[in-house]
C-alpha atoms as a PDB file:
ATOM      1  CA  MET A   1     104.652 115.624  81.315  1.00  0.00           C
ATOM      2  CA  ALA A   2     105.819 112.093  82.705  1.00  0.00           C
ATOM      3  CA  ARG A   3     103.972 110.233  85.616  1.00  0.00           C
ATOM      4  CA  LYS A   4     105.467 110.019  88.232  1.00  0.00           C
ATOM      5  CA  PHE A   5     104.503 107.668  91.407  1.00  0.00           C
ATOM      6  CA  ARG A   6     104.831 106.724  95.061  1.00  0.00           C
ATOM      7  CA  VAL A   7     105.419 103.777  96.951  1.00  0.00           C
ATOM      8  CA  GLU A   8     103.591 104.248 100.236  1.00  0.00           C
ATOM      9  CA  ILE A   9     105.256 101.082 102.999  1.00  0.00           C
ATOM     10  CA  ALA A  10     103.040 100.033 105.995  1.00  0.00           C
ATOM     11  CA  PHE A  11     106.194  99.567 108.181  1.00  0.00           C
ATOM     12  CA  GLU A  12     104.079  97.577 110.643  1.00  0.00           C
ATOM     13  CA  GLN A  13     102.396  96.227 108.275  1.00  0.00           C
ATOM     14  CA  CYS A  14     105.253  93.852 106.504  1.00  0.00           C
ATOM     15  CA  LYS A  15     105.204  90.612 107.219  1.00  0.00           C
ATOM     16  CA  GLY A  16     108.655  90.834 105.368  1.00  0.00           C
ATOM     17  CA  CYS A  17     108.268  88.222 102.834  1.00  0.00           C
ATOM     18  CA  ALA A  18     109.862  89.874  99.529  1.00  0.00           C
ATOM     19  CA  ARG A  19     107.343  88.728  97.501  1.00  0.00           C
ATOM     20  CA  CYS A  20     107.104  93.425  96.354  1.00  0.00           C
ATOM     21  CA  VAL A  21     110.668  93.042  96.244  1.00  0.00           C
ATOM     22  CA  GLY A  22     110.839  89.893  93.859  1.00  0.00           C
ATOM     23  CA  ALA A  23     108.120  91.907  92.083  1.00  0.00           C
ATOM     24  CA  CYS A  24     109.341  94.940  91.156  1.00  0.00           C
ATOM     25  CA  PRO A  25     110.807  95.841  87.876  1.00  0.00           C
ATOM     26  CA  GLN A  26     112.710  99.094  88.668  1.00  0.00           C
ATOM     27  CA  GLY A  27     113.929  97.526  91.893  1.00  0.00           C
ATOM     28  CA  VAL A  28     112.261 100.156  94.204  1.00  0.00           C
ATOM     29  CA  LEU A  29     112.215  97.800  96.709  1.00  0.00           C
ATOM     30  CA  VAL A  30     114.834  95.952  98.746  1.00  0.00           C
ATOM     31  CA  MET A  31     114.818  94.322 102.048  1.00  0.00           C
ATOM     32  CA  GLY A  32     115.360  96.730 105.096  1.00  0.00           C
ATOM     33  CA  HIS A  33     117.223  95.998 108.385  1.00  0.00           C
ATOM     34  CA  HIS A  34     114.985  97.602 110.830  1.00  0.00           C
ATOM     35  CA  LEU A  35     112.494  95.213 112.709  1.00  0.00           C
ATOM     36  CA  ASN A  36     108.476  95.949 113.078  1.00  0.00           C
ATOM     37  CA  ARG A  37     106.952  95.087 116.538  1.00  0.00           C
ATOM     38  CA  MET A  38     106.308  92.088 115.547  1.00  0.00           C
ATOM     39  CA  SER A  39     110.339  91.767 114.587  1.00  0.00           C
ATOM     40  CA  PHE A  40     109.816  90.913 110.685  1.00  0.00           C
ATOM     41  CA  PRO A  41     112.640  93.346 108.954  1.00  0.00           C
ATOM     42  CA  ALA A  42     110.372  95.332 106.680  1.00  0.00           C
ATOM     43  CA  VAL A  43     110.722  96.369 102.182  1.00  0.00           C
ATOM     44  CA  GLU A  44     112.190  99.602 102.043  1.00  0.00           C
ATOM     45  CA  LEU A  45     112.376 101.918  99.199  1.00  0.00           C
ATOM     46  CA  SER A  46     115.594 101.892  97.287  1.00  0.00           C
ATOM     47  CA  GLY A  47     114.659 105.021  94.923  1.00  0.00           C
ATOM     48  CA  ASN A  48     112.007 106.611  92.975  1.00  0.00           C
ATOM     49  CA  LYS A  49     112.146 105.506  89.858  1.00  0.00           C
ATOM     50  CA  CYS A  50     108.392 103.465  89.986  1.00  0.00           C
ATOM     51  CA  VAL A  51     106.358 103.962  87.170  1.00  0.00           C
ATOM     52  CA  GLY A  52     103.103 102.687  89.173  1.00  0.00           C
ATOM     53  CA  CYS A  53     102.776  99.449  87.438  1.00  0.00           C
ATOM     54  CA  GLY A  54     101.034  97.603  90.777  1.00  0.00           C
ATOM     55  CA  LEU A  55     102.930  94.786  91.052  1.00  0.00           C
ATOM     56  CA  CYS A  56     104.421  95.532  94.219  1.00  0.00           C
ATOM     57  CA  PHE A  57     100.803  95.809  95.276  1.00  0.00           C
ATOM     58  CA  TYR A  58      99.342  92.879  93.573  1.00  0.00           C
ATOM     59  CA  THR A  59     101.565  90.131  94.964  1.00  0.00           C
ATOM     60  CA  CYS A  60     101.184  91.633  98.468  1.00  0.00           C
ATOM     61  CA  PRO A  61      99.600  89.232 100.740  1.00  0.00           C
ATOM     62  CA  GLU A  62      98.930  91.675 103.345  1.00  0.00           C
ATOM     63  CA  PRO A  63      96.080  94.370 102.730  1.00  0.00           C
ATOM     64  CA  GLY A  64      97.663  97.681 102.551  1.00  0.00           C
ATOM     65  CA  ALA A  65     100.808  96.997 103.724  1.00  0.00           C
ATOM     66  CA  LEU A  66     101.623  98.909 100.578  1.00  0.00           C
ATOM     67  CA  THR A  67      99.669 101.320  98.407  1.00  0.00           C
ATOM     68  CA  ILE A  68     100.427 103.182  95.176  1.00  0.00           C
ATOM     69  CA  PHE A  69      99.673 106.974  94.801  1.00  0.00           C
ATOM     70  CA  GLU A  70     100.369 108.811  91.520  1.00  0.00           C
ATOM     71  CA  GLU A  71     101.934 112.620  92.579  1.00  0.00           C
ATOM     72  CA  VAL A  72      99.835 115.265  91.444  1.00  0.00           C
ATOM     73  CA  GLU A  73     101.196 118.317  89.663  1.00  0.00           C
ATOM     74  CA  ASP A  74      98.642 121.490  90.949  1.00  0.00           C
ATOM     75  CA  ALA A  75      97.695 123.861  88.732  1.00  0.00           C
ATOM     76  CA  LYS A  76      99.285 127.081  88.708  1.00  0.00           C
END
Protein backbone atom coordinates (compact mmCIF):
# COMPACT_ATOMS: atom_id res chain seq x y z
CA MET A 1 0.00 0.00 0.00
CA ALA A 2 1.35 3.41 -1.00
CA ARG A 3 1.61 6.05 1.69
CA LYS A 4 -0.56 9.15 1.18
CA PHE A 5 0.10 12.63 2.49
CA ARG A 6 -1.79 15.89 2.52
CA VAL A 7 -0.77 19.48 3.08
CA GLU A 8 -2.87 21.82 5.17
CA ILE A 9 -2.38 25.54 4.63
CA ALA A 10 -3.23 28.06 7.33
CA PHE A 11 -4.64 30.64 4.93
CA GLU A 12 -4.47 33.55 7.38
CA GLN A 13 -0.84 32.84 8.33
CA CYS A 14 0.54 32.68 4.79
CA LYS A 15 2.60 35.72 3.79
CA GLY A 16 2.59 34.91 0.06
CA CYS A 17 6.38 34.57 -0.29
CA ALA A 18 5.98 31.49 -2.56
CA ARG A 19 9.07 29.75 -1.16
CA CYS A 20 7.03 26.59 -0.64
CA VAL A 21 5.76 26.74 -4.23
CA GLY A 22 9.32 26.72 -5.57
CA ALA A 23 10.42 24.01 -3.13
CA CYS A 24 7.67 21.49 -3.91
CA PRO A 25 9.05 18.81 -6.26
CA GLN A 26 5.54 17.59 -7.12
CA GLY A 27 4.04 21.00 -7.96
CA VAL A 28 1.29 20.52 -5.38
CA LEU A 29 1.34 24.17 -4.26
CA VAL A 30 0.52 27.27 -6.32
CA MET A 31 0.07 30.95 -5.55
CA GLY A 32 -3.58 31.70 -4.97
CA HIS A 33 -5.56 34.71 -6.11
CA HIS A 34 -7.51 35.28 -2.90
CA LEU A 35 -6.13 37.67 -0.32
CA ASN A 36 -6.09 36.83 3.38
CA ARG A 37 -6.90 39.39 6.09
CA MET A 38 -3.37 40.82 5.84
CA SER A 39 -3.86 41.34 2.08
CA PHE A 40 -1.36 38.65 1.09
CA PRO A 41 -2.18 36.18 -1.67
CA ALA A 42 -2.06 32.83 0.11
CA VAL A 43 -0.75 29.58 -1.31
CA GLU A 44 -3.29 26.99 -2.45
CA LEU A 45 -3.24 23.29 -3.25
CA SER A 46 -3.08 22.27 -6.87
CA GLY A 47 -3.40 18.53 -6.60
CA ASN A 48 -3.07 15.56 -4.31
CA LYS A 49 0.34 14.19 -5.25
CA CYS A 50 2.10 15.19 -2.03
CA VAL A 51 4.92 12.74 -1.24
CA GLY A 52 5.48 14.03 2.30
CA CYS A 53 9.03 15.23 1.69
CA GLY A 54 8.58 18.28 3.96
CA LEU A 55 10.41 20.73 1.70
CA CYS A 56 7.50 23.16 1.77
CA PHE A 57 7.33 23.00 5.56
CA TYR A 58 11.06 23.57 6.09
CA THR A 59 11.24 26.35 3.49
CA CYS A 60 8.32 28.33 4.90
CA PRO A 61 9.45 31.20 7.16
CA GLU A 62 6.05 31.40 8.87
CA PRO A 63 5.71 28.82 11.67
CA GLY A 64 2.45 26.93 11.40
CA ALA A 65 1.47 28.15 7.94
CA LEU A 66 1.98 24.69 6.43
CA THR A 67 1.47 21.29 8.00
CA ILE A 68 1.94 17.89 6.37
CA PHE A 69 -0.13 14.95 7.51
CA GLU A 70 0.14 11.30 6.60
CA GLU A 71 -3.27 9.87 5.82
CA VAL A 72 -3.84 6.63 7.68
CA GLU A 73 -6.54 4.20 6.66
CA ASP A 74 -8.72 2.79 9.41
CA ALA A 75 -8.14 -0.88 10.17
CA LYS A 76 -11.12 -2.94 9.07
